[in-house]
Amino acid sequence: MSDKPAQERFGGVRDNTDTCTLLAKKEYKTTYNDQEKHCEGSVYKIREGPFFVWERIYWGYDKDGSPIIRNRFKNCSSKEADEFMRTGNAEVIHDPFLASRPRKG
C-alpha cells in the first residue's frame, strides 16, 4: 500500500491520511465502473469523529508496465468501520471499538 498521504474533503473539511488514524487495512475485490477489480482498502478515523475508507483500485497497467491505480474515498459510519475491521483478512492497526465489544468467555 502507498505511503503517500491522500487528501479528500469530508464534511466540508479537507483532511488527509497523515492527520487521521489508520484503523485497519486489507485487500479485497470491489466493483469500479461495473468491473470487478483488485483493491487495497484502509479504514481511517478523522480526528473529530467520522470514519472513511480509502480504496486504491488496481485498474490495469499503462504502456510502460506501471500499475494504474484509481483512488476512491467513501464516508462510513462507526458500524461500517467496525465491520470493515472484523471481516475478511483485515490487518487491525488500532481498534477504537475494543472497549465497547462484549468479552468472550
N, C-alpha and C. Protein backbone atom coordinates (compact mmCIF):
# COMPACT_ATOMS: atom_id res chain seq x y z
N MET A 1 0.84 -1.18 0.00
CA MET A 1 0.00 0.00 0.00
C MET A 1 0.89 1.24 0.00
N SER A 2 0.35 2.27 -0.54
CA SER A 2 1.11 3.50 -0.71
C SER A 2 1.37 4.19 0.63
N ASP A 3 2.57 4.77 0.77
CA ASP A 3 2.89 5.55 1.96
C ASP A 3 2.59 7.02 1.76
N LYS A 4 2.23 7.41 0.53
CA LYS A 4 1.95 8.79 0.21
C LYS A 4 0.59 9.19 0.77
N PRO A 5 0.50 10.33 1.49
CA PRO A 5 -0.80 10.72 2.04
C PRO A 5 -1.79 11.08 0.94
N ALA A 6 -3.03 10.74 1.15
CA ALA A 6 -4.10 11.10 0.22
C ALA A 6 -4.97 12.15 0.89
N GLN A 7 -5.53 13.05 0.07
CA GLN A 7 -6.38 14.10 0.60
C GLN A 7 -7.77 13.98 0.02
N GLU A 8 -8.76 14.31 0.84
CA GLU A 8 -10.15 14.29 0.38
C GLU A 8 -10.94 15.20 1.31
N ARG A 9 -12.09 15.66 0.85
CA ARG A 9 -12.95 16.54 1.64
C ARG A 9 -14.03 15.70 2.31
N PHE A 10 -14.13 15.81 3.63
CA PHE A 10 -15.15 15.10 4.42
C PHE A 10 -15.88 16.10 5.28
N GLY A 11 -17.18 16.15 5.14
CA GLY A 11 -17.98 17.07 5.95
C GLY A 11 -17.57 18.51 5.79
N GLY A 12 -17.13 18.90 4.59
CA GLY A 12 -16.75 20.28 4.33
C GLY A 12 -15.34 20.64 4.76
N VAL A 13 -14.59 19.68 5.30
CA VAL A 13 -13.23 19.93 5.77
C VAL A 13 -12.27 19.05 4.98
N ARG A 14 -11.21 19.66 4.46
CA ARG A 14 -10.21 18.86 3.75
C ARG A 14 -9.34 18.19 4.79
N ASP A 15 -9.19 16.89 4.66
CA ASP A 15 -8.37 16.12 5.59
C ASP A 15 -7.48 15.22 4.77
N ASN A 16 -6.47 14.64 5.39
CA ASN A 16 -5.62 13.70 4.66
C ASN A 16 -5.24 12.55 5.57
N THR A 17 -4.72 11.50 4.95
CA THR A 17 -4.43 10.28 5.69
C THR A 17 -3.32 10.45 6.71
N ASP A 18 -2.49 11.50 6.57
CA ASP A 18 -1.44 11.74 7.56
C ASP A 18 -1.99 12.30 8.86
N THR A 19 -3.14 12.98 8.82
CA THR A 19 -3.69 13.59 10.03
C THR A 19 -4.83 12.77 10.62
N CYS A 20 -5.10 11.61 10.06
CA CYS A 20 -6.16 10.72 10.54
C CYS A 20 -5.52 9.47 11.14
N THR A 21 -6.30 8.72 11.88
CA THR A 21 -5.80 7.48 12.49
C THR A 21 -6.16 6.29 11.62
N LEU A 22 -5.14 5.56 11.17
CA LEU A 22 -5.35 4.33 10.41
C LEU A 22 -5.81 3.25 11.37
N LEU A 23 -6.97 2.67 11.09
CA LEU A 23 -7.52 1.63 11.96
C LEU A 23 -7.21 0.23 11.44
N ALA A 24 -7.37 0.02 10.14
CA ALA A 24 -7.14 -1.31 9.57
C ALA A 24 -6.98 -1.21 8.07
N LYS A 25 -6.38 -2.26 7.50
CA LYS A 25 -6.25 -2.33 6.04
C LYS A 25 -6.39 -3.78 5.60
N LYS A 26 -6.82 -3.94 4.35
CA LYS A 26 -6.98 -5.29 3.80
C LYS A 26 -7.09 -5.20 2.28
N GLU A 27 -6.91 -6.36 1.65
CA GLU A 27 -7.07 -6.47 0.21
C GLU A 27 -8.36 -7.22 -0.08
N TYR A 28 -9.06 -6.82 -1.12
CA TYR A 28 -10.31 -7.45 -1.49
C TYR A 28 -10.68 -7.06 -2.91
N LYS A 29 -11.75 -7.65 -3.41
CA LYS A 29 -12.30 -7.32 -4.73
C LYS A 29 -13.39 -6.28 -4.54
N THR A 30 -13.48 -5.33 -5.48
CA THR A 30 -14.53 -4.32 -5.44
C THR A 30 -15.00 -4.05 -6.85
N THR A 31 -16.17 -3.45 -6.99
CA THR A 31 -16.69 -3.09 -8.30
C THR A 31 -16.39 -1.62 -8.56
N TYR A 32 -15.78 -1.36 -9.71
CA TYR A 32 -15.45 0.00 -10.13
C TYR A 32 -15.81 0.12 -11.60
N ASN A 33 -16.68 1.07 -11.95
CA ASN A 33 -17.17 1.24 -13.32
C ASN A 33 -17.70 -0.08 -13.89
N ASP A 34 -18.50 -0.76 -13.09
CA ASP A 34 -19.14 -2.04 -13.47
C ASP A 34 -18.17 -3.17 -13.75
N GLN A 35 -16.95 -3.07 -13.24
CA GLN A 35 -15.97 -4.14 -13.40
C GLN A 35 -15.42 -4.53 -12.03
N GLU A 36 -15.20 -5.83 -11.83
CA GLU A 36 -14.60 -6.28 -10.57
C GLU A 36 -13.09 -6.07 -10.64
N LYS A 37 -12.54 -5.40 -9.63
CA LYS A 37 -11.12 -5.06 -9.61
C LYS A 37 -10.51 -5.40 -8.25
N HIS A 38 -9.19 -5.64 -8.26
CA HIS A 38 -8.44 -5.84 -7.02
C HIS A 38 -8.31 -4.49 -6.32
N CYS A 39 -8.40 -4.50 -5.01
CA CYS A 39 -8.41 -3.26 -4.24
C CYS A 39 -7.62 -3.43 -2.95
N GLU A 40 -6.91 -2.38 -2.56
CA GLU A 40 -6.32 -2.28 -1.23
C GLU A 40 -7.11 -1.20 -0.50
N GLY A 41 -7.79 -1.59 0.56
CA GLY A 41 -8.62 -0.65 1.31
C GLY A 41 -8.08 -0.42 2.70
N SER A 42 -8.25 0.81 3.17
CA SER A 42 -7.85 1.18 4.53
C SER A 42 -8.97 1.99 5.15
N VAL A 43 -9.29 1.71 6.41
CA VAL A 43 -10.30 2.49 7.11
C VAL A 43 -9.59 3.41 8.10
N TYR A 44 -10.03 4.67 8.12
CA TYR A 44 -9.44 5.72 8.94
C TYR A 44 -10.50 6.37 9.81
N LYS A 45 -10.04 6.96 10.92
CA LYS A 45 -10.89 7.81 11.76
C LYS A 45 -10.35 9.22 11.67
N ILE A 46 -11.23 10.14 11.33
CA ILE A 46 -10.87 11.56 11.28
C ILE A 46 -10.82 12.07 12.71
N ARG A 47 -9.94 13.00 12.98
CA ARG A 47 -9.72 13.50 14.34
C ARG A 47 -11.00 13.83 15.09
N GLU A 48 -11.93 14.48 14.44
CA GLU A 48 -13.13 14.94 15.13
C GLU A 48 -14.32 14.02 14.95
N GLY A 49 -14.11 12.77 14.62
CA GLY A 49 -15.23 11.86 14.64
C GLY A 49 -15.46 10.91 13.50
N PRO A 50 -15.82 11.40 12.30
CA PRO A 50 -16.25 10.46 11.27
C PRO A 50 -15.16 9.50 10.80
N PHE A 51 -15.60 8.49 10.09
CA PHE A 51 -14.72 7.46 9.54
C PHE A 51 -14.80 7.51 8.02
N PHE A 52 -13.76 6.99 7.36
CA PHE A 52 -13.81 6.84 5.91
C PHE A 52 -12.93 5.68 5.49
N VAL A 53 -13.24 5.15 4.31
CA VAL A 53 -12.45 4.09 3.69
C VAL A 53 -11.77 4.69 2.46
N TRP A 54 -10.46 4.49 2.37
CA TRP A 54 -9.69 4.88 1.19
C TRP A 54 -9.41 3.59 0.41
N GLU A 55 -9.94 3.51 -0.79
CA GLU A 55 -9.72 2.35 -1.64
C GLU A 55 -8.75 2.73 -2.76
N ARG A 56 -7.71 1.91 -2.93
CA ARG A 56 -6.78 2.04 -4.04
C ARG A 56 -7.07 0.87 -4.98
N ILE A 57 -7.71 1.18 -6.09
CA ILE A 57 -8.24 0.17 -7.00
C ILE A 57 -7.27 0.00 -8.17
N TYR A 58 -6.85 -1.24 -8.38
CA TYR A 58 -5.92 -1.55 -9.48
C TYR A 58 -6.71 -1.69 -10.77
N TRP A 59 -6.51 -0.75 -11.68
CA TRP A 59 -7.30 -0.66 -12.88
C TRP A 59 -6.66 -1.42 -14.05
N GLY A 60 -5.36 -1.55 -14.03
CA GLY A 60 -4.63 -2.22 -15.11
C GLY A 60 -3.21 -1.70 -15.13
N TYR A 61 -2.61 -1.71 -16.32
CA TYR A 61 -1.23 -1.25 -16.46
C TYR A 61 -1.12 -0.29 -17.64
N ASP A 62 -0.24 0.72 -17.48
CA ASP A 62 -0.03 1.63 -18.59
C ASP A 62 0.99 1.03 -19.55
N LYS A 63 1.34 1.77 -20.61
CA LYS A 63 2.20 1.21 -21.67
C LYS A 63 3.60 0.87 -21.21
N ASP A 64 4.09 1.48 -20.11
CA ASP A 64 5.42 1.11 -19.60
C ASP A 64 5.37 0.04 -18.50
N GLY A 65 4.16 -0.51 -18.26
CA GLY A 65 4.02 -1.60 -17.30
C GLY A 65 3.75 -1.17 -15.87
N SER A 66 3.62 0.13 -15.63
CA SER A 66 3.32 0.62 -14.28
C SER A 66 1.84 0.44 -13.99
N PRO A 67 1.50 0.07 -12.75
CA PRO A 67 0.08 -0.10 -12.43
C PRO A 67 -0.69 1.22 -12.48
N ILE A 68 -1.91 1.15 -12.97
CA ILE A 68 -2.82 2.30 -12.95
C ILE A 68 -3.72 2.10 -11.73
N ILE A 69 -3.69 3.06 -10.83
CA ILE A 69 -4.44 2.96 -9.58
C ILE A 69 -5.44 4.10 -9.50
N ARG A 70 -6.68 3.75 -9.22
CA ARG A 70 -7.74 4.74 -9.02
C ARG A 70 -8.00 4.83 -7.52
N ASN A 71 -8.13 6.05 -7.01
CA ASN A 71 -8.43 6.27 -5.60
C ASN A 71 -9.92 6.55 -5.45
N ARG A 72 -10.52 5.92 -4.44
CA ARG A 72 -11.92 6.19 -4.13
C ARG A 72 -12.03 6.34 -2.62
N PHE A 73 -12.72 7.38 -2.20
CA PHE A 73 -12.94 7.64 -0.78
C PHE A 73 -14.42 7.50 -0.49
N LYS A 74 -14.74 6.79 0.60
CA LYS A 74 -16.13 6.59 0.97
C LYS A 74 -16.29 6.90 2.46
N ASN A 75 -17.22 7.80 2.76
CA ASN A 75 -17.58 8.02 4.16
C ASN A 75 -18.22 6.75 4.69
N CYS A 76 -18.02 6.47 5.97
CA CYS A 76 -18.69 5.31 6.56
C CYS A 76 -19.03 5.61 8.02
N SER A 77 -20.01 4.89 8.51
CA SER A 77 -20.43 5.03 9.90
C SER A 77 -19.46 4.26 10.80
N SER A 78 -19.60 4.44 12.09
CA SER A 78 -18.76 3.67 13.02
C SER A 78 -19.07 2.17 12.90
N LYS A 79 -20.34 1.83 12.65
CA LYS A 79 -20.72 0.43 12.47
C LYS A 79 -20.04 -0.15 11.23
N GLU A 80 -20.02 0.60 10.13
CA GLU A 80 -19.37 0.14 8.90
C GLU A 80 -17.85 0.03 9.09
N ALA A 81 -17.26 0.97 9.82
CA ALA A 81 -15.82 0.92 10.09
C ALA A 81 -15.48 -0.32 10.92
N ASP A 82 -16.29 -0.60 11.94
CA ASP A 82 -16.09 -1.78 12.79
C ASP A 82 -16.22 -3.05 11.96
N GLU A 83 -17.23 -3.10 11.08
CA GLU A 83 -17.43 -4.27 10.23
C GLU A 83 -16.24 -4.47 9.28
N PHE A 84 -15.71 -3.38 8.71
CA PHE A 84 -14.53 -3.46 7.85
C PHE A 84 -13.38 -4.13 8.59
N MET A 85 -13.21 -3.76 9.86
CA MET A 85 -12.10 -4.27 10.66
C MET A 85 -12.27 -5.74 11.03
N ARG A 86 -13.50 -6.20 11.18
CA ARG A 86 -13.75 -7.56 11.67
C ARG A 86 -13.98 -8.59 10.57
N THR A 87 -14.04 -8.17 9.31
CA THR A 87 -14.32 -9.12 8.23
C THR A 87 -13.12 -9.26 7.30
N GLY A 88 -13.12 -10.39 6.60
CA GLY A 88 -12.04 -10.63 5.63
C GLY A 88 -10.70 -10.79 6.33
N ASN A 89 -9.68 -10.43 5.64
CA ASN A 89 -8.31 -10.60 6.14
C ASN A 89 -7.73 -9.29 6.65
N ALA A 90 -8.53 -8.50 7.35
CA ALA A 90 -8.10 -7.17 7.79
C ALA A 90 -6.94 -7.25 8.78
N GLU A 91 -5.94 -6.41 8.53
CA GLU A 91 -4.85 -6.21 9.49
C GLU A 91 -5.24 -5.02 10.35
N VAL A 92 -5.58 -5.28 11.61
CA VAL A 92 -6.03 -4.23 12.52
C VAL A 92 -4.81 -3.53 13.11
N ILE A 93 -4.77 -2.23 12.96
CA ILE A 93 -3.66 -1.42 13.47
C ILE A 93 -4.05 -0.77 14.80
N HIS A 94 -5.28 -0.23 14.85
CA HIS A 94 -5.78 0.44 16.06
C HIS A 94 -7.29 0.19 16.12
N ASP A 95 -7.79 -0.31 17.25
CA ASP A 95 -9.20 -0.66 17.37
C ASP A 95 -9.89 0.23 18.41
N PRO A 96 -10.57 1.30 17.95
CA PRO A 96 -11.26 2.18 18.91
C PRO A 96 -12.55 1.56 19.47
N PHE A 97 -12.98 0.43 18.92
CA PHE A 97 -14.21 -0.22 19.34
C PHE A 97 -13.99 -1.31 20.37
N LEU A 98 -12.77 -1.64 20.66
CA LEU A 98 -12.43 -2.77 21.51
C LEU A 98 -13.11 -2.70 22.87
N ALA A 99 -13.11 -1.55 23.51
CA ALA A 99 -13.68 -1.40 24.85
C ALA A 99 -15.19 -1.62 24.85
N SER A 100 -15.88 -1.35 23.73
CA SER A 100 -17.34 -1.48 23.70
C SER A 100 -17.81 -2.85 23.23
N ARG A 101 -16.90 -3.73 22.82
CA ARG A 101 -17.29 -5.08 22.39
C ARG A 101 -17.50 -5.98 23.60
N PRO A 102 -18.50 -6.86 23.54
CA PRO A 102 -18.69 -7.80 24.65
C PRO A 102 -17.50 -8.76 24.73
N ARG A 103 -17.11 -9.10 25.94
CA ARG A 103 -15.99 -10.03 26.14
C ARG A 103 -16.47 -11.45 25.94
N LYS A 104 -15.61 -12.25 25.35
CA LYS A 104 -15.92 -13.67 25.14
C LYS A 104 -15.51 -14.45 26.39
N GLY A 105 -16.29 -15.50 26.68
CA GLY A 105 -15.89 -16.40 27.75
C GLY A 105 -16.56 -16.22 28.98
